[in-house]
Structure formats: C-alpha cells, structure tokens
C-alpha atoms as a PDB file:
ATOM      1  CA  MET A   1      96.550 146.759  87.199  1.00  0.00           C
ATOM      2  CA  SER A   2      98.964 143.671  87.091  1.00  0.00           C
ATOM      3  CA  GLU A   3      99.006 142.191  90.372  1.00  0.00           C
ATOM      4  CA  ARG A   4      97.640 143.331  94.056  1.00  0.00           C
ATOM      5  CA  GLU A   5      97.433 141.052  97.265  1.00  0.00           C
ATOM      6  CA  LEU A   6      95.130 140.755  99.557  1.00  0.00           C
ATOM      7  CA  MET A   7      95.512 139.882 103.575  1.00  0.00           C
ATOM      8  CA  LEU A   8      92.125 138.944 105.592  1.00  0.00           C
ATOM      9  CA  THR A   9      92.256 138.667 109.276  1.00  0.00           C
ATOM     10  CA  GLY A  10      89.505 138.204 112.336  1.00  0.00           C
ATOM     11  CA  ILE A  11      88.380 135.407 114.307  1.00  0.00           C
ATOM     12  CA  GLY A  12      87.006 132.391 113.891  1.00  0.00           C
ATOM     13  CA  GLY A  13      83.283 132.452 112.543  1.00  0.00           C
ATOM     14  CA  GLN A  14      83.762 136.215 111.276  1.00  0.00           C
ATOM     15  CA  GLY A  15      83.846 134.674 107.611  1.00  0.00           C
ATOM     16  CA  VAL A  16      87.301 135.621 106.722  1.00  0.00           C
ATOM     17  CA  GLN A  17      87.547 132.255 104.807  1.00  0.00           C
ATOM     18  CA  LEU A  18      84.021 132.461 103.218  1.00  0.00           C
ATOM     19  CA  ALA A  19      84.947 136.578 102.404  1.00  0.00           C
ATOM     20  CA  GLY A  20      88.549 134.942 100.579  1.00  0.00           C
ATOM     21  CA  GLN A  21      87.055 132.301  98.622  1.00  0.00           C
ATOM     22  CA  VAL A  22      84.188 134.549  97.305  1.00  0.00           C
ATOM     23  CA  LEU A  23      86.882 136.873  95.740  1.00  0.00           C
ATOM     24  CA  ALA A  24      88.632 134.563  94.040  1.00  0.00           C
ATOM     25  CA  ARG A  25      86.368 133.115  92.891  1.00  0.00           C
ATOM     26  CA  ALA A  26      84.688 136.204  91.304  1.00  0.00           C
ATOM     27  CA  ALA A  27      88.529 137.348  90.143  1.00  0.00           C
ATOM     28  CA  THR A  28      88.512 134.577  88.682  1.00  0.00           C
ATOM     29  CA  LEU A  29      84.352 134.997  86.729  1.00  0.00           C
ATOM     30  CA  GLU A  30      86.296 137.699  85.622  1.00  0.00           C
ATOM     31  CA  GLY A  31      89.037 135.889  83.791  1.00  0.00           C
ATOM     32  CA  LYS A  32      91.752 137.024  86.171  1.00  0.00           C
ATOM     33  CA  HIS A  33      94.452 134.605  87.189  1.00  0.00           C
ATOM     34  CA  VAL A  34      94.261 134.231  91.371  1.00  0.00           C
ATOM     35  CA  THR A  35      95.825 132.025  94.201  1.00  0.00           C
ATOM     36  CA  TYR A  36      94.115 131.445  97.648  1.00  0.00           C
ATOM     37  CA  PHE A  37      95.632 130.339 100.710  1.00  0.00           C
ATOM     38  CA  GLY A  38      93.630 130.011 104.106  1.00  0.00           C
ATOM     39  CA  VAL A  39      94.964 129.796 107.395  1.00  0.00           C
ATOM     40  CA  TYR A  40      92.998 128.888 110.401  1.00  0.00           C
ATOM     41  CA  GLY A  41      93.526 129.068 114.134  1.00  0.00           C
ATOM     42  CA  GLY A  42      93.360 125.764 116.846  1.00  0.00           C
ATOM     43  CA  VAL A  43      89.721 126.522 117.888  1.00  0.00           C
ATOM     44  CA  MET A  44      86.399 126.301 116.038  1.00  0.00           C
ATOM     45  CA  ARG A  45      85.575 129.752 116.919  1.00  0.00           C
ATOM     46  CA  GLY A  46      87.563 132.090 118.599  1.00  0.00           C
ATOM     47  CA  GLY A  47      90.763 131.751 117.057  1.00  0.00           C
ATOM     48  CA  ASN A  48      92.759 133.521 114.593  1.00  0.00           C
ATOM     49  CA  THR A  49      91.694 133.079 110.793  1.00  0.00           C
ATOM     50  CA  ASP A  50      93.822 134.437 107.873  1.00  0.00           C
ATOM     51  CA  ALA A  51      93.246 134.200 104.307  1.00  0.00           C
ATOM     52  CA  THR A  52      95.577 135.468 101.052  1.00  0.00           C
ATOM     53  CA  VAL A  53      94.316 136.331  98.008  1.00  0.00           C
ATOM     54  CA  VAL A  54      96.501 137.799  95.101  1.00  0.00           C
ATOM     55  CA  ILE A  55      94.676 139.008  92.085  1.00  0.00           C
ATOM     56  CA  SER A  56      96.625 139.669  88.551  1.00  0.00           C
ATOM     57  CA  ASP A  57      96.406 140.174  85.020  1.00  0.00           C
ATOM     58  CA  ASP A  58      98.482 137.935  83.813  1.00  0.00           C
ATOM     59  CA  PRO A  59      99.503 133.748  84.799  1.00  0.00           C
ATOM     60  CA  ILE A  60     101.009 133.578  88.817  1.00  0.00           C
ATOM     61  CA  GLU A  61     103.815 131.061  88.918  1.00  0.00           C
ATOM     62  CA  ALA A  62     103.785 129.799  91.852  1.00  0.00           C
ATOM     63  CA  PRO A  63     101.749 130.090  94.846  1.00  0.00           C
ATOM     64  CA  ALA A  64     101.978 133.139  96.964  1.00  0.00           C
ATOM     65  CA  ILE A  65     103.956 133.940  99.795  1.00  0.00           C
ATOM     66  CA  VAL A  66     103.377 137.556 100.476  1.00  0.00           C
ATOM     67  CA  SER A  67     105.184 139.467 102.759  1.00  0.00           C
ATOM     68  CA  LYS A  68     104.053 142.577 101.561  1.00  0.00           C
ATOM     69  CA  THR A  69     100.515 143.330 100.500  1.00  0.00           C
ATOM     70  CA  TRP A  70      99.037 145.749  98.891  1.00  0.00           C
ATOM     71  CA  SER A  71      95.753 145.386 100.529  1.00  0.00           C
ATOM     72  CA  ALA A  72      94.179 144.484 104.005  1.00  0.00           C
ATOM     73  CA  VAL A  73      90.646 143.392 105.683  1.00  0.00           C
ATOM     74  CA  ALA A  74      90.326 144.291 109.542  1.00  0.00           C
ATOM     75  CA  MET A  75      87.237 142.344 110.463  1.00  0.00           C
ATOM     76  CA  HIS A  76      88.483 142.476 114.143  1.00  0.00           C
ATOM     77  CA  HIS A  77      91.116 143.415 116.221  1.00  0.00           C
ATOM     78  CA  GLU A  78      92.333 141.140 118.089  1.00  0.00           C
ATOM     79  CA  PHE A  79      94.921 138.849 115.169  1.00  0.00           C
ATOM     80  CA  TRP A  80      95.850 142.724 113.707  1.00  0.00           C
ATOM     81  CA  GLU A  81      98.705 143.434 114.653  1.00  0.00           C
ATOM     82  CA  PRO A  82     100.838 140.138 113.107  1.00  0.00           C
ATOM     83  CA  LEU A  83      99.031 141.727 109.989  1.00  0.00           C
ATOM     84  CA  ARG A  84      99.784 145.493 109.794  1.00  0.00           C
ATOM     85  CA  PRO A  85     103.616 145.660 109.393  1.00  0.00           C
ATOM     86  CA  LYS A  86     102.651 143.597 106.196  1.00  0.00           C
ATOM     87  CA  VAL A  87     100.597 146.693 105.062  1.00  0.00           C
ATOM     88  CA  ARG A  88     102.726 148.204 101.356  1.00  0.00           C
ATOM     89  CA  PRO A  89     102.992 152.441 102.395  1.00  0.00           C
ATOM     90  CA  ASP A  90     100.938 152.693  98.961  1.00  0.00           C
ATOM     91  CA  GLY A  91      98.156 150.011 100.655  1.00  0.00           C
ATOM     92  CA  VAL A  92      94.598 150.175 101.460  1.00  0.00           C
ATOM     93  CA  VAL A  93      92.976 148.685 105.265  1.00  0.00           C
ATOM     94  CA  PHE A  94      88.888 148.117 105.153  1.00  0.00           C
ATOM     95  CA  VAL A  95      88.657 148.009 108.711  1.00  0.00           C
ATOM     96  CA  ASN A  96      85.288 146.491 110.639  1.00  0.00           C
ATOM     97  CA  THR A  97      84.436 150.037 112.730  1.00  0.00           C
ATOM     98  CA  THR A  98      81.780 148.037 114.207  1.00  0.00           C
ATOM     99  CA  VAL A  99      83.880 146.132 116.584  1.00  0.00           C
ATOM    100  CA  PHE A 100      87.629 147.126 115.331  1.00  0.00           C
ATOM    101  CA  GLU A 101      89.111 148.143 118.450  1.00  0.00           C
ATOM    102  CA  GLY A 102      91.593 150.653 119.278  1.00  0.00           C
ATOM    103  CA  ASP A 103      94.579 152.688 116.540  1.00  0.00           C
ATOM    104  CA  LEU A 104      95.190 150.308 113.471  1.00  0.00           C
ATOM    105  CA  GLY A 105      99.333 151.503 114.007  1.00  0.00           C
ATOM    106  CA  LEU A 106      99.319 152.792 110.927  1.00  0.00           C
ATOM    107  CA  PRO A 107     101.525 154.881 108.399  1.00  0.00           C
ATOM    108  CA  ALA A 108      99.152 158.232 107.052  1.00  0.00           C
ATOM    109  CA  ASP A 109     100.428 156.717 103.702  1.00  0.00           C
ATOM    110  CA  VAL A 110      98.779 153.692 104.021  1.00  0.00           C
ATOM    111  CA  ARG A 111      94.406 154.707 103.093  1.00  0.00           C
ATOM    112  CA  VAL A 112      92.516 153.695 105.343  1.00  0.00           C
ATOM    113  CA  ILE A 113      88.277 152.713 104.668  1.00  0.00           C
ATOM    114  CA  GLU A 114      86.209 152.497 107.759  1.00  0.00           C
ATOM    115  CA  VAL A 115      83.472 150.159 107.181  1.00  0.00           C
ATOM    116  CA  PRO A 116      80.682 149.285 109.646  1.00  0.00           C
ATOM    117  CA  ALA A 117      80.228 145.591 108.477  1.00  0.00           C
ATOM    118  CA  THR A 118      79.058 144.053 111.340  1.00  0.00           C
ATOM    119  CA  GLU A 119      76.240 146.649 111.706  1.00  0.00           C
ATOM    120  CA  ARG A 120      75.429 146.655 108.686  1.00  0.00           C
ATOM    121  CA  ALA A 121      74.747 142.802 108.593  1.00  0.00           C
ATOM    122  CA  GLY A 122      72.865 143.661 112.109  1.00  0.00           C
ATOM    123  CA  GLU A 123      70.442 145.977 110.365  1.00  0.00           C
ATOM    124  CA  LEU A 124      69.675 143.187 107.642  1.00  0.00           C
ATOM    125  CA  GLY A 125      68.776 140.750 110.647  1.00  0.00           C
ATOM    126  CA  ASN A 126      71.728 138.527 110.498  1.00  0.00           C
ATOM    127  CA  LEU A 127      75.723 139.537 112.262  1.00  0.00           C
ATOM    128  CA  MET A 128      77.059 136.069 110.432  1.00  0.00           C
ATOM    129  CA  VAL A 129      76.949 138.562 107.166  1.00  0.00           C
ATOM    130  CA  ALA A 130      79.961 140.205 107.873  1.00  0.00           C
ATOM    131  CA  SER A 131      81.979 139.585 106.078  1.00  0.00           C
ATOM    132  CA  MET A 132      80.137 139.412 102.885  1.00  0.00           C
ATOM    133  CA  VAL A 133      78.754 143.441 104.040  1.00  0.00           C
ATOM    134  CA  MET A 134      83.061 143.642 103.622  1.00  0.00           C
ATOM    135  CA  VAL A 135      83.056 142.045 100.413  1.00  0.00           C
ATOM    136  CA  GLY A 136      81.453 144.309  98.451  1.00  0.00           C
ATOM    137  CA  ALA A 137      82.821 147.047 100.432  1.00  0.00           C
ATOM    138  CA  TYR A 138      86.445 145.924  99.295  1.00  0.00           C
ATOM    139  CA  ALA A 139      85.171 144.820  95.253  1.00  0.00           C
ATOM    140  CA  ALA A 140      83.273 148.322  94.735  1.00  0.00           C
ATOM    141  CA  GLU A 141      86.447 150.473  96.522  1.00  0.00           C
ATOM    142  CA  THR A 142      89.326 148.990  94.677  1.00  0.00           C
ATOM    143  CA  GLY A 143      87.850 147.601  91.163  1.00  0.00           C
ATOM    144  CA  LEU A 144      89.144 144.939  91.603  1.00  0.00           C
ATOM    145  CA  VAL A 145      85.789 142.650  90.505  1.00  0.00           C
ATOM    146  CA  SER A 146      82.917 143.553  90.951  1.00  0.00           C
ATOM    147  CA  PRO A 147      80.059 143.547  93.143  1.00  0.00           C
ATOM    148  CA  ASP A 148      78.294 141.478  90.723  1.00  0.00           C
ATOM    149  CA  ALA A 149      80.617 138.890  90.128  1.00  0.00           C
ATOM    150  CA  CYS A 150      80.918 138.461  93.915  1.00  0.00           C
ATOM    151  CA  ILE A 151      77.341 137.805  94.352  1.00  0.00           C
ATOM    152  CA  GLN A 152      77.790 134.869  91.817  1.00  0.00           C
ATOM    153  CA  ALA A 153      81.200 133.954  93.112  1.00  0.00           C
ATOM    154  CA  MET A 154      79.131 133.542  96.712  1.00  0.00           C
ATOM    155  CA  LYS A 155      76.746 132.010  95.184  1.00  0.00           C
ATOM    156  CA  ALA A 156      78.730 129.098  93.669  1.00  0.00           C
ATOM    157  CA  SER A 157      80.894 129.253  97.512  1.00  0.00           C
ATOM    158  CA  ILE A 158      77.735 128.518  99.883  1.00  0.00           C
ATOM    159  CA  PRO A 159      77.169 124.155 100.017  1.00  0.00           C
ATOM    160  CA  PRO A 160      73.523 123.442  99.223  1.00  0.00           C
ATOM    161  CA  TYR A 161      72.661 122.741 102.677  1.00  0.00           C
ATOM    162  CA  ARG A 162      73.889 125.914 103.381  1.00  0.00           C
ATOM    163  CA  SER A 163      71.598 127.880 100.720  1.00  0.00           C
ATOM    164  CA  GLN A 164      68.902 129.303 102.734  1.00  0.00           C
ATOM    165  CA  HIS A 165      71.809 131.563 103.527  1.00  0.00           C
ATOM    166  CA  VAL A 166      71.793 133.265  99.772  1.00  0.00           C
ATOM    167  CA  PRO A 167      69.534 135.743  99.763  1.00  0.00           C
ATOM    168  CA  VAL A 168      71.042 137.628 103.045  1.00  0.00           C
ATOM    169  CA  ASN A 169      74.321 137.102 101.985  1.00  0.00           C
ATOM    170  CA  GLU A 170      73.755 138.618  98.670  1.00  0.00           C
ATOM    171  CA  ASP A 171      71.312 141.423 100.580  1.00  0.00           C
ATOM    172  CA  ALA A 172      75.068 142.108 102.422  1.00  0.00           C
ATOM    173  CA  ILE A 173      77.556 142.451  99.216  1.00  0.00           C
ATOM    174  CA  ARG A 174      74.791 144.537  98.353  1.00  0.00           C
ATOM    175  CA  ALA A 175      75.211 146.443 101.200  1.00  0.00           C
ATOM    176  CA  GLY A 176      78.459 146.667 100.975  1.00  0.00           C
ATOM    177  CA  ALA A 177      78.807 148.317  97.928  1.00  0.00           C
ATOM    178  CA  GLU A 178      76.244 150.535  98.739  1.00  0.00           C
ATOM    179  CA  LEU A 179      78.189 151.942 102.040  1.00  0.00           C
ATOM    180  CA  MET A 180      81.102 152.676  99.578  1.00  0.00           C
ATOM    181  CA  GLY A 181      78.568 154.620  96.822  1.00  0.00           C
ATOM    182  CA  VAL A 182      78.338 152.074  94.341  1.00  0.00           C
ATOM    183  CA  ALA A 183      75.036 150.251  93.670  1.00  0.00           C
ATOM    184  CA  ALA A 184      75.306 146.039  92.178  1.00  0.00           C
ATOM    185  CA  ALA A 185      73.132 145.432  89.359  1.00  0.00           C
END
C-alpha cells in the first residue's frame, strides 16, 4: 500500500462519521498518514452522511479531494448512487446487506463484500453499532488497519458522556472481524 482511499455513505444516524473517524484514528495509531473528511446532510437523522478517509504510508501533502476511490462502504442504499461511479475498477465495496435494497450497479471487476452489519448489531442487542460491525469487517478484510487498532481508536473517539456504549462497540468491531474470519485480540 502506498495510498488507499475509502468513501463511506449512509443515512444520518447510522454512525458513518464515527466509522470514518475510528478507521482514521486506527491508521494513525499504526503509524500511517491519514486525512479524514466528513460531510453531513441538512437534517439531524435520515439525511445523507458521507465520510472520506485516505490512508498512506507516505505523508499526504494536501487534503485529499477524492474523485475515485479504492474502497467504499455502503451502509444504506438511499445515498449510494452518487458514490457508485467513484469506485475504481480494482476496488472493493462493503455493503450492509441487512438494509441495502436494490443492485449496487457495479462492474464485475469490483469486489463486493456482503456484511449483514445491522443484523449482527441486532444480535448484539443494539442496532446503533452496525457501523462498528462494518469497521471490524473492513479492517479484517482489507488489512489497512487492524481490528485491535480500531478498538483502541473507538475508545478514543467515544465522548466521556457516552462511555456506556464502549463495551457494545468493542463487541461490534470484534463481531465484524469475525464475520471475515479474523479474531481480534
């Protein structure tokens, strides 16, 4: 890896911003160079939310404007269409199969990883951790960051007034990694 891009999309309330932040912090913890950019729609819940993370072995000279991406996470179908054409032919897309409806519309040379993130979050007793299930799956499958670094990063990202959510988020990251056949320490 020299530089890899990740674009995440979903609807507000799915934890897309937290997922992007956790992956960016995890990469930093592992000594990589990172940029992170979050975009919020105009409503509190239910509007579009996107995040872009660039991870590199080398310094990133300027904030990235990503027109094409190596990887993407589609937490929901609602705002997928604007992101779809940005996925490079050699890319990989992680899709939350629990809620994503319809066809991704990707060419055959894009690898699709199906992750029932919301379903697995429900099995953990909290649908709000679906994005952390996806983080664990993404980290385990791509190897860009480790699931263990994601757990550390999540703990640093959760504000103190929400610390009661740390254990289930940790379980969710582990569960996502396990869906990809990787056990976190």
